[in-house]
């Protein structure tokens, strides 16, 4: 089995590139970026400006949901720049071998309906986009009030055709709803689409493996 961790640093107001506090010898560490001057002793820096993306947020989505573009690993852990690896990921990757996806539960909200409301209030998600999302959910018999919500700052994917198709569907639906720029919430889209088919999924305890920081800072936030 080959394993990889992939992170992504994009834009002028970029995240800090956080070096792992523990490095596993059988894991490849990759950072995809549009910053040509970014350097690391541990992360393999891969420059990709992702010209099809129309904003920094979209660049992150294109990396996150094309997890096997930058590695030939069998299992991949995708982490946002706000995440720091603090312990060995060996046990987490072993857990993934029996599943298609490992995810972390959203720490504050329980369902898609609540999450969409927050995106509208605080992130200015357009009402028309929310209406399109709800229409797709209703058409596919997805209950947006169901107590299930993924937080996508950490996602682990097992390499198989179903996962490749799911990830491409996330991007496709985000394009369909958002238009020029993608629908604002990739975790809402993933939470909905993962319910359209059978996947072996499981969650994990973030605090066992990772530290989380407020974006662009060294202020710890372990939720």
N, C-alpha and C. Protein backbone atom coordinates (compact mmCIF):
# COMPACT_ATOMS: atom_id res chain seq x y z
N UNK A 1 0.83 -1.20 0.00
CA UNK A 1 0.00 0.00 0.00
C UNK A 1 0.87 1.25 0.00
N UNK A 2 0.48 2.22 -0.83
CA UNK A 2 1.15 3.51 -0.86
C UNK A 2 0.21 4.57 -0.31
N UNK A 3 0.76 5.47 0.51
CA UNK A 3 -0.05 6.50 1.15
C UNK A 3 0.49 7.88 0.80
N UNK A 4 -0.42 8.85 0.79
CA UNK A 4 -0.01 10.23 0.55
C UNK A 4 -0.89 11.18 1.34
N UNK A 5 -0.29 12.28 1.78
CA UNK A 5 -1.03 13.41 2.34
C UNK A 5 -0.86 14.56 1.36
N UNK A 6 -1.97 15.19 0.99
CA UNK A 6 -1.92 16.32 0.07
C UNK A 6 -2.56 17.54 0.72
N UNK A 7 -1.84 18.65 0.67
CA UNK A 7 -2.39 19.92 1.12
C UNK A 7 -2.28 20.91 -0.03
N UNK A 8 -2.81 22.13 0.16
CA UNK A 8 -2.88 23.09 -0.94
C UNK A 8 -2.80 24.49 -0.36
N UNK A 9 -1.93 25.29 -0.97
CA UNK A 9 -1.71 26.67 -0.55
C UNK A 9 -1.87 27.55 -1.78
N UNK A 10 -2.90 28.40 -1.80
CA UNK A 10 -3.18 29.22 -2.97
C UNK A 10 -3.46 30.67 -2.56
N UNK A 11 -3.18 31.58 -3.47
CA UNK A 11 -3.58 32.97 -3.30
C UNK A 11 -2.58 33.80 -2.52
N UNK A 12 -2.76 35.13 -2.61
CA UNK A 12 -1.86 36.06 -1.93
C UNK A 12 -2.00 36.00 -0.42
N UNK A 13 -3.24 35.90 0.06
CA UNK A 13 -3.47 35.79 1.51
C UNK A 13 -3.42 34.32 1.90
N UNK A 14 -2.26 33.71 1.65
CA UNK A 14 -2.15 32.26 1.71
C UNK A 14 -2.06 31.73 3.13
N UNK A 15 -2.47 30.47 3.28
CA UNK A 15 -2.29 29.77 4.54
C UNK A 15 -0.80 29.57 4.80
N UNK A 16 -0.46 29.34 6.06
CA UNK A 16 0.88 28.93 6.41
C UNK A 16 1.07 27.47 6.00
N UNK A 17 2.22 27.12 5.50
CA UNK A 17 2.51 25.72 5.20
C UNK A 17 3.06 25.09 6.48
N UNK A 18 2.28 24.24 7.07
CA UNK A 18 2.61 23.69 8.40
C UNK A 18 3.35 22.36 8.24
N UNK A 19 4.59 22.33 8.69
CA UNK A 19 5.38 21.11 8.60
C UNK A 19 4.82 20.06 9.58
N UNK A 20 4.71 18.80 9.14
CA UNK A 20 4.24 17.75 10.05
C UNK A 20 5.14 17.64 11.29
N UNK A 21 4.53 17.47 12.45
CA UNK A 21 5.30 17.29 13.67
C UNK A 21 5.82 15.86 13.78
N UNK A 22 5.14 14.93 13.10
CA UNK A 22 5.57 13.53 13.01
C UNK A 22 5.51 13.14 11.55
N UNK A 23 6.57 12.52 11.06
CA UNK A 23 6.65 12.12 9.65
C UNK A 23 6.70 10.60 9.56
N UNK A 24 5.78 10.02 8.81
CA UNK A 24 5.78 8.58 8.57
C UNK A 24 6.62 8.27 7.34
N UNK A 25 7.52 7.30 7.46
CA UNK A 25 8.46 7.03 6.36
C UNK A 25 7.78 6.48 5.11
N UNK A 26 6.61 5.86 5.25
CA UNK A 26 5.93 5.27 4.09
C UNK A 26 4.83 6.18 3.53
N UNK A 27 4.84 7.47 3.91
CA UNK A 27 3.84 8.42 3.45
C UNK A 27 4.52 9.51 2.61
N UNK A 28 3.91 9.83 1.48
CA UNK A 28 4.37 10.92 0.62
C UNK A 28 3.63 12.19 1.01
N UNK A 29 4.34 13.29 1.21
CA UNK A 29 3.75 14.56 1.61
C UNK A 29 3.84 15.54 0.44
N UNK A 30 2.69 16.00 -0.05
CA UNK A 30 2.63 16.82 -1.26
C UNK A 30 1.87 18.10 -0.97
N UNK A 31 2.42 19.22 -1.39
CA UNK A 31 1.72 20.50 -1.31
C UNK A 31 1.56 21.06 -2.71
N UNK A 32 0.31 21.27 -3.14
CA UNK A 32 0.01 21.85 -4.45
C UNK A 32 -0.19 23.35 -4.26
N UNK A 33 0.43 24.14 -5.09
CA UNK A 33 0.42 25.58 -4.86
C UNK A 33 0.56 26.37 -6.16
N UNK A 34 0.16 27.65 -6.12
CA UNK A 34 0.43 28.58 -7.21
C UNK A 34 1.53 29.57 -6.81
N UNK A 35 2.22 29.26 -5.71
CA UNK A 35 3.29 30.12 -5.20
C UNK A 35 4.65 29.52 -5.56
N UNK A 36 5.33 30.12 -6.51
CA UNK A 36 6.58 29.53 -7.01
C UNK A 36 7.71 29.59 -6.00
N UNK A 37 7.60 30.45 -4.98
CA UNK A 37 8.67 30.59 -4.01
C UNK A 37 8.46 29.75 -2.75
N UNK A 38 7.40 28.94 -2.72
CA UNK A 38 7.11 28.15 -1.52
C UNK A 38 8.12 27.02 -1.39
N UNK A 39 8.64 26.84 -0.17
CA UNK A 39 9.66 25.81 0.06
C UNK A 39 9.33 25.03 1.33
N UNK A 40 9.83 23.80 1.40
CA UNK A 40 9.61 22.96 2.57
C UNK A 40 10.68 21.87 2.63
N UNK A 41 11.01 21.46 3.84
CA UNK A 41 11.95 20.36 4.03
C UNK A 41 11.25 19.00 3.92
N UNK A 42 9.93 19.01 4.11
CA UNK A 42 9.19 17.74 4.15
C UNK A 42 8.21 17.63 2.99
N UNK A 43 7.44 18.69 2.74
CA UNK A 43 6.45 18.64 1.67
C UNK A 43 7.12 18.70 0.30
N UNK A 44 6.69 17.86 -0.61
CA UNK A 44 7.07 17.96 -2.02
C UNK A 44 6.21 19.05 -2.64
N UNK A 45 6.81 20.13 -3.10
CA UNK A 45 6.08 21.26 -3.64
C UNK A 45 5.76 21.01 -5.12
N UNK A 46 4.47 21.04 -5.44
CA UNK A 46 4.01 20.86 -6.82
C UNK A 46 3.33 22.15 -7.26
N UNK A 47 3.91 22.80 -8.28
CA UNK A 47 3.32 24.04 -8.78
C UNK A 47 2.21 23.72 -9.78
N UNK A 48 1.02 24.26 -9.54
CA UNK A 48 -0.10 24.11 -10.46
C UNK A 48 -1.00 25.33 -10.28
N UNK A 49 -1.06 26.16 -11.28
CA UNK A 49 -1.86 27.39 -11.21
C UNK A 49 -3.35 27.11 -11.44
N UNK A 50 -3.69 25.93 -11.95
CA UNK A 50 -5.07 25.49 -12.20
C UNK A 50 -5.84 26.57 -12.96
N UNK A 51 -5.52 26.77 -14.23
CA UNK A 51 -6.13 27.86 -15.01
C UNK A 51 -7.64 27.76 -15.18
N UNK A 52 -8.21 26.57 -15.03
CA UNK A 52 -9.68 26.45 -15.17
C UNK A 52 -10.42 27.05 -13.98
N UNK A 53 -9.71 27.27 -12.87
CA UNK A 53 -10.35 27.84 -11.68
C UNK A 53 -10.42 29.36 -11.80
N UNK A 54 -11.51 29.94 -11.33
CA UNK A 54 -11.73 31.38 -11.44
C UNK A 54 -11.49 32.15 -10.14
N UNK A 55 -11.12 31.44 -9.08
CA UNK A 55 -10.79 32.11 -7.81
C UNK A 55 -9.99 31.15 -6.96
N UNK A 56 -9.41 31.68 -5.88
CA UNK A 56 -8.57 30.87 -5.00
C UNK A 56 -9.36 29.72 -4.39
N UNK A 57 -10.57 29.97 -3.94
CA UNK A 57 -11.39 28.92 -3.33
C UNK A 57 -11.60 27.77 -4.32
N UNK A 58 -11.84 28.10 -5.58
CA UNK A 58 -12.07 27.06 -6.58
C UNK A 58 -10.82 26.22 -6.81
N UNK A 59 -9.65 26.85 -6.76
CA UNK A 59 -8.40 26.08 -6.91
C UNK A 59 -8.30 24.99 -5.86
N UNK A 60 -8.67 25.32 -4.63
CA UNK A 60 -8.62 24.33 -3.55
C UNK A 60 -9.56 23.17 -3.83
N UNK A 61 -10.75 23.48 -4.36
CA UNK A 61 -11.73 22.44 -4.67
C UNK A 61 -11.19 21.51 -5.75
N UNK A 62 -10.57 22.07 -6.79
CA UNK A 62 -10.06 21.24 -7.88
C UNK A 62 -8.95 20.30 -7.40
N UNK A 63 -8.17 20.71 -6.42
CA UNK A 63 -7.16 19.81 -5.86
C UNK A 63 -7.82 18.78 -4.94
N UNK A 64 -8.67 19.25 -4.05
CA UNK A 64 -9.28 18.38 -3.04
C UNK A 64 -10.05 17.22 -3.67
N UNK A 65 -10.74 17.49 -4.79
CA UNK A 65 -11.58 16.47 -5.38
C UNK A 65 -10.97 15.85 -6.64
N UNK A 66 -9.68 16.03 -6.79
CA UNK A 66 -8.91 15.23 -7.75
C UNK A 66 -7.72 14.65 -6.99
N UNK A 67 -8.02 13.83 -5.98
CA UNK A 67 -6.99 13.41 -5.02
C UNK A 67 -5.88 12.56 -5.61
N UNK A 68 -6.11 11.93 -6.76
CA UNK A 68 -5.08 11.04 -7.31
C UNK A 68 -4.38 11.63 -8.53
N UNK A 69 -4.59 12.91 -8.76
CA UNK A 69 -3.92 13.58 -9.88
C UNK A 69 -2.43 13.76 -9.61
N UNK A 70 -2.07 13.95 -8.35
CA UNK A 70 -0.70 14.34 -8.01
C UNK A 70 0.11 13.20 -7.39
N UNK A 71 -0.45 12.01 -7.31
CA UNK A 71 0.23 10.88 -6.68
C UNK A 71 -0.31 9.58 -7.22
N UNK A 72 0.49 8.53 -7.14
CA UNK A 72 0.00 7.19 -7.50
C UNK A 72 -0.30 6.36 -6.26
N UNK A 73 -0.47 7.04 -5.13
CA UNK A 73 -0.78 6.35 -3.87
C UNK A 73 -2.14 5.67 -3.94
N UNK A 74 -2.30 4.62 -3.11
CA UNK A 74 -3.57 3.90 -3.03
C UNK A 74 -4.56 4.62 -2.12
N UNK A 75 -4.06 5.24 -1.08
CA UNK A 75 -4.90 5.95 -0.11
C UNK A 75 -4.35 7.36 0.07
N UNK A 76 -5.25 8.34 0.07
CA UNK A 76 -4.83 9.74 0.16
C UNK A 76 -5.58 10.46 1.26
N UNK A 77 -4.87 11.26 2.02
CA UNK A 77 -5.45 12.13 3.03
C UNK A 77 -5.31 13.56 2.55
N UNK A 78 -6.45 14.24 2.33
CA UNK A 78 -6.45 15.63 1.89
C UNK A 78 -6.65 16.53 3.11
N UNK A 79 -5.77 17.51 3.31
CA UNK A 79 -5.92 18.41 4.45
C UNK A 79 -5.81 19.87 4.00
N UNK A 80 -6.65 20.72 4.59
CA UNK A 80 -6.56 22.16 4.35
C UNK A 80 -5.27 22.71 4.97
N UNK A 81 -4.90 23.91 4.55
CA UNK A 81 -3.70 24.54 5.10
C UNK A 81 -3.79 24.87 6.57
N UNK A 82 -5.01 24.91 7.11
CA UNK A 82 -5.19 25.20 8.54
C UNK A 82 -4.91 23.99 9.42
N UNK A 83 -4.60 22.85 8.80
CA UNK A 83 -4.42 21.59 9.53
C UNK A 83 -2.94 21.26 9.67
N UNK A 84 -2.55 20.83 10.87
CA UNK A 84 -1.18 20.41 11.16
C UNK A 84 -1.19 18.96 11.62
N UNK A 85 -0.34 18.14 11.02
CA UNK A 85 -0.22 16.74 11.44
C UNK A 85 0.59 16.68 12.72
N UNK A 86 0.02 16.05 13.76
CA UNK A 86 0.72 16.03 15.05
C UNK A 86 1.14 14.64 15.50
N UNK A 87 0.68 13.58 14.82
CA UNK A 87 1.05 12.22 15.20
C UNK A 87 1.08 11.33 13.98
N UNK A 88 1.54 10.12 14.14
CA UNK A 88 1.60 9.18 13.03
C UNK A 88 0.20 8.94 12.46
N UNK A 89 0.11 8.86 11.13
CA UNK A 89 -1.17 8.61 10.47
C UNK A 89 -1.33 7.13 10.10
N UNK A 90 -0.42 6.30 10.58
CA UNK A 90 -0.45 4.88 10.21
C UNK A 90 -1.78 4.23 10.56
N UNK A 91 -2.26 4.46 11.77
CA UNK A 91 -3.53 3.84 12.20
C UNK A 91 -4.71 4.37 11.40
N UNK A 92 -4.67 5.65 11.06
CA UNK A 92 -5.75 6.25 10.29
C UNK A 92 -5.80 5.67 8.87
N UNK A 93 -4.64 5.51 8.25
CA UNK A 93 -4.61 4.91 6.92
C UNK A 93 -5.06 3.44 6.96
N UNK A 94 -4.72 2.74 8.01
CA UNK A 94 -5.18 1.35 8.15
C UNK A 94 -6.70 1.31 8.26
N UNK A 95 -7.27 2.25 8.98
CA UNK A 95 -8.73 2.34 9.08
C UNK A 95 -9.35 2.57 7.71
N UNK A 96 -8.69 3.39 6.90
CA UNK A 96 -9.22 3.71 5.58
C UNK A 96 -9.24 2.50 4.65
N UNK A 97 -8.34 1.56 4.84
CA UNK A 97 -8.25 0.41 3.94
C UNK A 97 -9.55 -0.37 3.87
N UNK A 98 -10.38 -0.30 4.91
CA UNK A 98 -11.65 -1.02 4.94
C UNK A 98 -12.84 -0.13 4.58
N UNK A 99 -12.55 1.06 4.08
CA UNK A 99 -13.61 2.01 3.76
C UNK A 99 -13.30 2.73 2.45
N UNK A 100 -14.31 3.43 1.92
CA UNK A 100 -14.09 4.27 0.75
C UNK A 100 -13.65 5.67 1.16
N UNK A 101 -14.27 6.17 2.23
CA UNK A 101 -14.00 7.54 2.69
C UNK A 101 -13.96 7.57 4.21
N UNK A 102 -13.02 8.33 4.77
CA UNK A 102 -13.05 8.71 6.17
C UNK A 102 -13.27 10.22 6.23
N UNK A 103 -14.09 10.65 7.18
CA UNK A 103 -14.41 12.07 7.27
C UNK A 103 -14.52 12.46 8.74
N UNK A 104 -14.53 13.77 8.99
CA UNK A 104 -14.80 14.26 10.33
C UNK A 104 -16.17 14.92 10.35
N UNK A 105 -16.90 14.67 11.43
CA UNK A 105 -18.21 15.30 11.59
C UNK A 105 -18.05 16.80 11.79
N UNK A 106 -19.04 17.55 11.31
CA UNK A 106 -19.02 18.98 11.55
C UNK A 106 -19.19 19.23 13.04
N UNK A 107 -18.33 20.06 13.65
CA UNK A 107 -18.37 20.22 15.11
C UNK A 107 -19.52 21.10 15.62
N UNK A 108 -20.11 21.91 14.75
CA UNK A 108 -21.10 22.89 15.22
C UNK A 108 -22.51 22.66 14.71
N UNK A 109 -22.65 22.10 13.52
CA UNK A 109 -23.98 21.93 12.92
C UNK A 109 -24.22 20.48 12.54
N UNK A 110 -25.50 20.09 12.52
CA UNK A 110 -25.84 18.68 12.36
C UNK A 110 -26.39 18.32 11.00
N UNK A 111 -26.83 19.30 10.21
CA UNK A 111 -27.48 18.93 8.95
C UNK A 111 -27.26 20.00 7.88
N UNK A 112 -27.61 19.65 6.66
CA UNK A 112 -27.40 20.52 5.52
C UNK A 112 -28.22 21.80 5.59
N UNK A 113 -29.44 21.70 6.08
CA UNK A 113 -30.30 22.88 6.14
C UNK A 113 -29.69 23.96 7.03
N UNK A 114 -29.20 23.56 8.19
CA UNK A 114 -28.55 24.52 9.09
C UNK A 114 -27.29 25.09 8.47
N UNK A 115 -26.52 24.24 7.78
CA UNK A 115 -25.27 24.69 7.18
C UNK A 115 -25.52 25.68 6.05
N UNK A 116 -26.52 25.42 5.23
CA UNK A 116 -26.84 26.34 4.14
C UNK A 116 -27.27 27.71 4.67
N UNK A 117 -28.00 27.70 5.79
CA UNK A 117 -28.42 28.97 6.40
C UNK A 117 -27.23 29.79 6.85
N UNK A 118 -26.24 29.11 7.42
CA UNK A 118 -25.03 29.81 7.87
C UNK A 118 -24.26 30.37 6.68
N UNK A 119 -24.16 29.58 5.61
CA UNK A 119 -23.45 30.05 4.41
C UNK A 119 -24.14 31.27 3.82
N UNK A 120 -25.46 31.30 3.87
CA UNK A 120 -26.18 32.47 3.36
C UNK A 120 -25.96 33.68 4.24
N UNK A 121 -25.99 33.48 5.56
CA UNK A 121 -25.90 34.60 6.49
C UNK A 121 -24.48 35.17 6.58
N UNK A 122 -23.50 34.29 6.73
CA UNK A 122 -22.14 34.74 7.00
C UNK A 122 -21.24 34.75 5.76
N UNK A 123 -21.52 33.89 4.79
CA UNK A 123 -20.65 33.78 3.62
C UNK A 123 -21.30 34.32 2.35
N UNK A 124 -22.51 34.86 2.49
CA UNK A 124 -23.21 35.50 1.36
C UNK A 124 -23.47 34.53 0.20
N UNK A 125 -23.78 33.28 0.53
CA UNK A 125 -24.17 32.34 -0.53
C UNK A 125 -25.49 32.81 -1.15
N UNK A 126 -25.53 32.96 -2.48
CA UNK A 126 -26.75 33.47 -3.13
C UNK A 126 -27.97 32.56 -2.89
N UNK A 127 -29.11 33.17 -2.69
CA UNK A 127 -30.35 32.43 -2.49
C UNK A 127 -30.64 31.52 -3.68
N UNK A 128 -30.33 32.00 -4.89
CA UNK A 128 -30.59 31.18 -6.09
C UNK A 128 -29.75 29.90 -6.08
N UNK A 129 -28.54 29.98 -5.55
CA UNK A 129 -27.69 28.78 -5.46
C UNK A 129 -28.25 27.81 -4.42
N UNK A 130 -28.71 28.36 -3.29
CA UNK A 130 -29.31 27.51 -2.27
C UNK A 130 -30.56 26.83 -2.81
N UNK A 131 -31.36 27.55 -3.57
CA UNK A 131 -32.58 26.99 -4.16
C UNK A 131 -32.24 25.86 -5.13
N UNK A 132 -31.21 26.04 -5.94
CA UNK A 132 -30.78 24.98 -6.86
C UNK A 132 -30.32 23.75 -6.09
N UNK A 133 -29.56 23.98 -5.02
CA UNK A 133 -29.07 22.87 -4.21
C UNK A 133 -30.24 22.09 -3.61
N UNK A 134 -31.19 22.81 -3.05
CA UNK A 134 -32.34 22.16 -2.42
C UNK A 134 -33.19 21.42 -3.46
N UNK A 135 -33.27 21.96 -4.66
CA UNK A 135 -34.02 21.31 -5.73
C UNK A 135 -33.37 19.96 -6.09
N UNK A 136 -32.04 19.96 -6.22
CA UNK A 136 -31.33 18.72 -6.53
C UNK A 136 -31.52 17.70 -5.41
N UNK A 137 -31.41 18.17 -4.16
CA UNK A 137 -31.60 17.27 -3.02
C UNK A 137 -33.00 16.66 -3.03
N UNK A 138 -34.02 17.49 -3.22
CA UNK A 138 -35.40 17.01 -3.23
C UNK A 138 -35.64 16.03 -4.36
N UNK A 139 -35.11 16.34 -5.54
CA UNK A 139 -35.28 15.48 -6.70
C UNK A 139 -34.68 14.10 -6.46
N UNK A 140 -33.63 14.04 -5.64
CA UNK A 140 -32.95 12.77 -5.35
C UNK A 140 -33.33 12.19 -3.99
N UNK A 141 -34.42 12.72 -3.40
CA UNK A 141 -34.95 12.21 -2.13
C UNK A 141 -33.94 12.28 -0.99
N UNK A 142 -33.16 13.37 -0.99
CA UNK A 142 -32.21 13.62 0.10
C UNK A 142 -32.85 14.53 1.13
N UNK A 143 -32.89 14.09 2.36
CA UNK A 143 -33.45 14.88 3.45
C UNK A 143 -32.38 15.82 3.99
N UNK A 144 -32.51 17.12 3.73
CA UNK A 144 -31.47 18.06 4.16
C UNK A 144 -31.54 18.35 5.66
N UNK A 145 -32.54 17.81 6.34
CA UNK A 145 -32.63 17.95 7.80
C UNK A 145 -32.08 16.72 8.53
N UNK A 146 -31.62 15.75 7.79
CA UNK A 146 -31.04 14.55 8.39
C UNK A 146 -29.78 14.91 9.16
N UNK A 147 -29.56 14.28 10.30
CA UNK A 147 -28.38 14.58 11.13
C UNK A 147 -27.14 13.93 10.53
N UNK A 148 -26.61 14.58 9.52
CA UNK A 148 -25.39 14.11 8.86
C UNK A 148 -24.77 15.28 8.13
N UNK A 149 -23.56 15.66 8.52
CA UNK A 149 -22.88 16.78 7.87
C UNK A 149 -21.37 16.58 7.97
N UNK A 150 -20.74 16.51 6.82
CA UNK A 150 -19.29 16.36 6.74
C UNK A 150 -18.62 17.72 6.81
N UNK A 151 -17.52 17.79 7.54
CA UNK A 151 -16.65 18.97 7.45
C UNK A 151 -15.42 18.56 6.65
N UNK A 152 -15.17 19.24 5.55
CA UNK A 152 -14.22 18.72 4.56
C UNK A 152 -12.80 19.23 4.70
N UNK A 153 -12.43 19.80 5.84
CA UNK A 153 -11.05 20.26 6.01
C UNK A 153 -10.06 19.09 6.05
N UNK A 154 -10.57 17.88 6.38
CA UNK A 154 -9.77 16.66 6.33
C UNK A 154 -10.63 15.58 5.70
N UNK A 155 -10.16 15.00 4.62
CA UNK A 155 -10.87 13.91 3.95
C UNK A 155 -9.88 12.84 3.55
N UNK A 156 -10.24 11.58 3.75
CA UNK A 156 -9.39 10.48 3.31
C UNK A 156 -10.13 9.66 2.26
N UNK A 157 -9.46 9.43 1.13
CA UNK A 157 -10.07 8.73 0.01
C UNK A 157 -9.30 7.45 -0.30
N UNK A 158 -10.05 6.36 -0.52
CA UNK A 158 -9.48 5.10 -0.98
C UNK A 158 -9.59 5.07 -2.50
N UNK A 159 -8.52 4.72 -3.17
CA UNK A 159 -8.49 4.79 -4.63
C UNK A 159 -9.33 3.69 -5.27
N UNK A 160 -10.48 4.07 -5.80
CA UNK A 160 -11.31 3.15 -6.57
C UNK A 160 -12.19 3.97 -7.51
N UNK A 161 -12.83 3.29 -8.44
CA UNK A 161 -13.61 3.99 -9.47
C UNK A 161 -14.79 4.76 -8.88
N UNK A 162 -15.42 4.20 -7.85
CA UNK A 162 -16.57 4.89 -7.26
C UNK A 162 -16.16 6.23 -6.66
N UNK A 163 -15.01 6.24 -6.01
CA UNK A 163 -14.54 7.48 -5.40
C UNK A 163 -14.14 8.49 -6.47
N UNK A 164 -13.48 8.04 -7.50
CA UNK A 164 -13.12 8.95 -8.60
C UNK A 164 -14.37 9.59 -9.19
N UNK A 165 -15.41 8.78 -9.41
CA UNK A 165 -16.66 9.30 -9.98
C UNK A 165 -17.35 10.25 -9.02
N UNK A 166 -17.36 9.90 -7.72
CA UNK A 166 -17.97 10.78 -6.73
C UNK A 166 -17.28 12.13 -6.70
N UNK A 167 -15.96 12.13 -6.69
CA UNK A 167 -15.22 13.39 -6.63
C UNK A 167 -15.48 14.25 -7.87
N UNK A 168 -15.51 13.64 -9.03
CA UNK A 168 -15.81 14.39 -10.25
C UNK A 168 -17.24 14.92 -10.23
N UNK A 169 -18.17 14.15 -9.63
CA UNK A 169 -19.55 14.63 -9.50
C UNK A 169 -19.64 15.85 -8.60
N UNK A 170 -18.84 15.87 -7.53
CA UNK A 170 -18.83 17.04 -6.65
C UNK A 170 -18.47 18.28 -7.45
N UNK A 171 -17.41 18.18 -8.25
CA UNK A 171 -17.00 19.33 -9.07
C UNK A 171 -18.07 19.69 -10.10
N UNK A 172 -18.64 18.68 -10.75
CA UNK A 172 -19.63 18.94 -11.80
C UNK A 172 -20.87 19.63 -11.25
N UNK A 173 -21.37 19.17 -10.11
CA UNK A 173 -22.56 19.79 -9.52
C UNK A 173 -22.24 21.19 -9.00
N UNK A 174 -21.03 21.39 -8.49
CA UNK A 174 -20.64 22.72 -8.04
C UNK A 174 -20.57 23.70 -9.21
N UNK A 175 -20.12 23.21 -10.37
CA UNK A 175 -20.14 24.04 -11.58
C UNK A 175 -21.57 24.34 -12.01
N UNK A 176 -22.42 23.34 -11.99
CA UNK A 176 -23.80 23.49 -12.44
C UNK A 176 -24.53 24.55 -11.61
N UNK A 177 -24.33 24.53 -10.30
CA UNK A 177 -25.02 25.48 -9.43
C UNK A 177 -24.36 26.85 -9.47
N UNK A 178 -23.05 26.89 -9.39
CA UNK A 178 -22.36 28.16 -9.22
C UNK A 178 -22.14 28.95 -10.49
N UNK A 179 -21.97 28.25 -11.60
CA UNK A 179 -21.72 28.96 -12.85
C UNK A 179 -20.25 29.30 -13.02
N UNK A 180 -19.93 30.58 -13.19
CA UNK A 180 -18.55 31.01 -13.44
C UNK A 180 -17.62 30.59 -12.31
N UNK A 181 -18.02 30.85 -11.09
CA UNK A 181 -17.29 30.33 -9.94
C UNK A 181 -18.13 29.22 -9.31
N UNK A 182 -17.47 28.28 -8.67
CA UNK A 182 -18.15 27.10 -8.15
C UNK A 182 -19.08 27.45 -6.98
N UNK A 183 -20.08 26.61 -6.79
CA UNK A 183 -20.93 26.66 -5.59
C UNK A 183 -20.03 26.77 -4.37
N UNK A 184 -20.39 27.60 -3.42
CA UNK A 184 -19.46 27.98 -2.35
C UNK A 184 -19.06 26.88 -1.38
N UNK A 185 -19.91 25.88 -1.17
CA UNK A 185 -19.61 24.89 -0.12
C UNK A 185 -19.39 23.50 -0.70
N UNK A 186 -18.14 23.08 -0.77
CA UNK A 186 -17.85 21.74 -1.26
C UNK A 186 -18.30 20.68 -0.26
N UNK A 187 -18.29 21.01 1.06
CA UNK A 187 -18.69 20.00 2.05
C UNK A 187 -20.19 19.75 2.03
N UNK A 188 -20.98 20.78 1.70
CA UNK A 188 -22.42 20.56 1.52
C UNK A 188 -22.67 19.65 0.32
N UNK A 189 -21.95 19.91 -0.77
CA UNK A 189 -22.14 19.11 -1.97
C UNK A 189 -21.73 17.66 -1.72
N UNK A 190 -20.60 17.44 -1.08
CA UNK A 190 -20.16 16.08 -0.78
C UNK A 190 -21.15 15.38 0.14
N UNK A 191 -21.62 16.09 1.17
CA UNK A 191 -22.58 15.50 2.10
C UNK A 191 -23.84 15.04 1.39
N UNK A 192 -24.30 15.81 0.42
CA UNK A 192 -25.48 15.40 -0.34
C UNK A 192 -25.19 14.23 -1.27
N UNK A 193 -24.15 14.35 -2.08
CA UNK A 193 -23.91 13.34 -3.11
C UNK A 193 -23.52 11.99 -2.54
N UNK A 194 -22.90 11.97 -1.39
CA UNK A 194 -22.48 10.70 -0.80
C UNK A 194 -23.68 9.84 -0.39
N UNK A 195 -24.86 10.50 -0.32
CA UNK A 195 -26.07 9.78 0.06
C UNK A 195 -26.81 9.19 -1.14
N UNK A 196 -26.29 9.40 -2.35
CA UNK A 196 -26.96 8.91 -3.55
C UNK A 196 -26.57 7.48 -3.92
N UNK A 197 -25.56 6.95 -3.26
CA UNK A 197 -25.11 5.59 -3.55
C UNK A 197 -24.57 4.99 -2.27
N UNK A 198 -24.18 3.72 -2.32
CA UNK A 198 -23.64 3.07 -1.13
C UNK A 198 -22.12 3.21 -1.12
N UNK A 199 -21.61 3.81 -0.07
CA UNK A 199 -20.18 3.90 0.15
C UNK A 199 -19.87 3.42 1.56
N UNK A 200 -18.72 2.80 1.71
CA UNK A 200 -18.26 2.43 3.04
C UNK A 200 -17.58 3.66 3.64
N UNK A 201 -18.25 4.30 4.58
CA UNK A 201 -17.73 5.53 5.16
C UNK A 201 -17.59 5.38 6.68
N UNK A 202 -16.72 6.16 7.24
CA UNK A 202 -16.53 6.16 8.69
C UNK A 202 -15.95 7.51 9.08
N UNK A 203 -16.12 7.87 10.35
CA UNK A 203 -15.53 9.12 10.82
C UNK A 203 -14.38 8.83 11.77
N UNK A 204 -13.65 9.85 12.14
CA UNK A 204 -12.49 9.69 13.00
C UNK A 204 -12.37 10.89 13.92
N UNK A 205 -11.54 10.75 14.93
CA UNK A 205 -11.31 11.82 15.90
C UNK A 205 -10.15 12.69 15.44
N UNK A 206 -10.45 13.90 15.00
CA UNK A 206 -9.43 14.82 14.51
C UNK A 206 -8.31 15.03 15.52
N UNK A 207 -8.67 15.18 16.79
CA UNK A 207 -7.68 15.57 17.80
C UNK A 207 -6.65 14.49 18.08
N UNK A 208 -6.90 13.27 17.62
CA UNK A 208 -5.92 12.19 17.79
C UNK A 208 -4.74 12.35 16.83
N UNK A 209 -5.00 12.99 15.69
CA UNK A 209 -4.00 13.03 14.63
C UNK A 209 -3.58 14.44 14.20
N UNK A 210 -4.44 15.42 14.42
CA UNK A 210 -4.23 16.74 13.82
C UNK A 210 -4.46 17.87 14.82
N UNK A 211 -3.73 18.96 14.63
CA UNK A 211 -4.06 20.24 15.22
C UNK A 211 -4.73 21.09 14.15
N UNK A 212 -5.69 21.91 14.58
CA UNK A 212 -6.33 22.81 13.63
C UNK A 212 -6.15 24.24 14.11
N UNK A 213 -5.88 25.14 13.15
CA UNK A 213 -5.64 26.55 13.46
C UNK A 213 -6.66 27.42 12.74
N UNK A 214 -6.91 28.59 13.28
CA UNK A 214 -7.71 29.58 12.55
C UNK A 214 -6.96 29.91 11.27
N UNK A 215 -7.67 30.16 10.20
CA UNK A 215 -7.03 30.38 8.90
C UNK A 215 -6.01 31.51 8.94
N UNK A 216 -4.85 31.24 8.34
CA UNK A 216 -3.77 32.21 8.16
C UNK A 216 -3.14 32.66 9.49
N UNK A 217 -3.31 31.89 10.55
CA UNK A 217 -2.76 32.28 11.85
C UNK A 217 -2.15 31.06 12.54
N UNK A 218 -1.52 31.31 13.68
CA UNK A 218 -1.04 30.26 14.56
C UNK A 218 -1.93 30.10 15.79
N UNK A 219 -3.16 30.58 15.69
CA UNK A 219 -4.11 30.46 16.80
C UNK A 219 -4.80 29.11 16.72
N UNK A 220 -4.59 28.27 17.73
CA UNK A 220 -5.11 26.90 17.74
C UNK A 220 -6.61 26.87 17.85
N UNK A 221 -7.22 25.95 17.11
CA UNK A 221 -8.67 25.78 17.13
C UNK A 221 -8.98 24.31 16.88
N UNK A 222 -9.01 23.51 17.93
CA UNK A 222 -9.17 22.06 17.75
C UNK A 222 -10.64 21.65 17.76
N UNK A 223 -11.42 22.12 16.80
CA UNK A 223 -12.78 21.64 16.61
C UNK A 223 -13.01 21.32 15.14
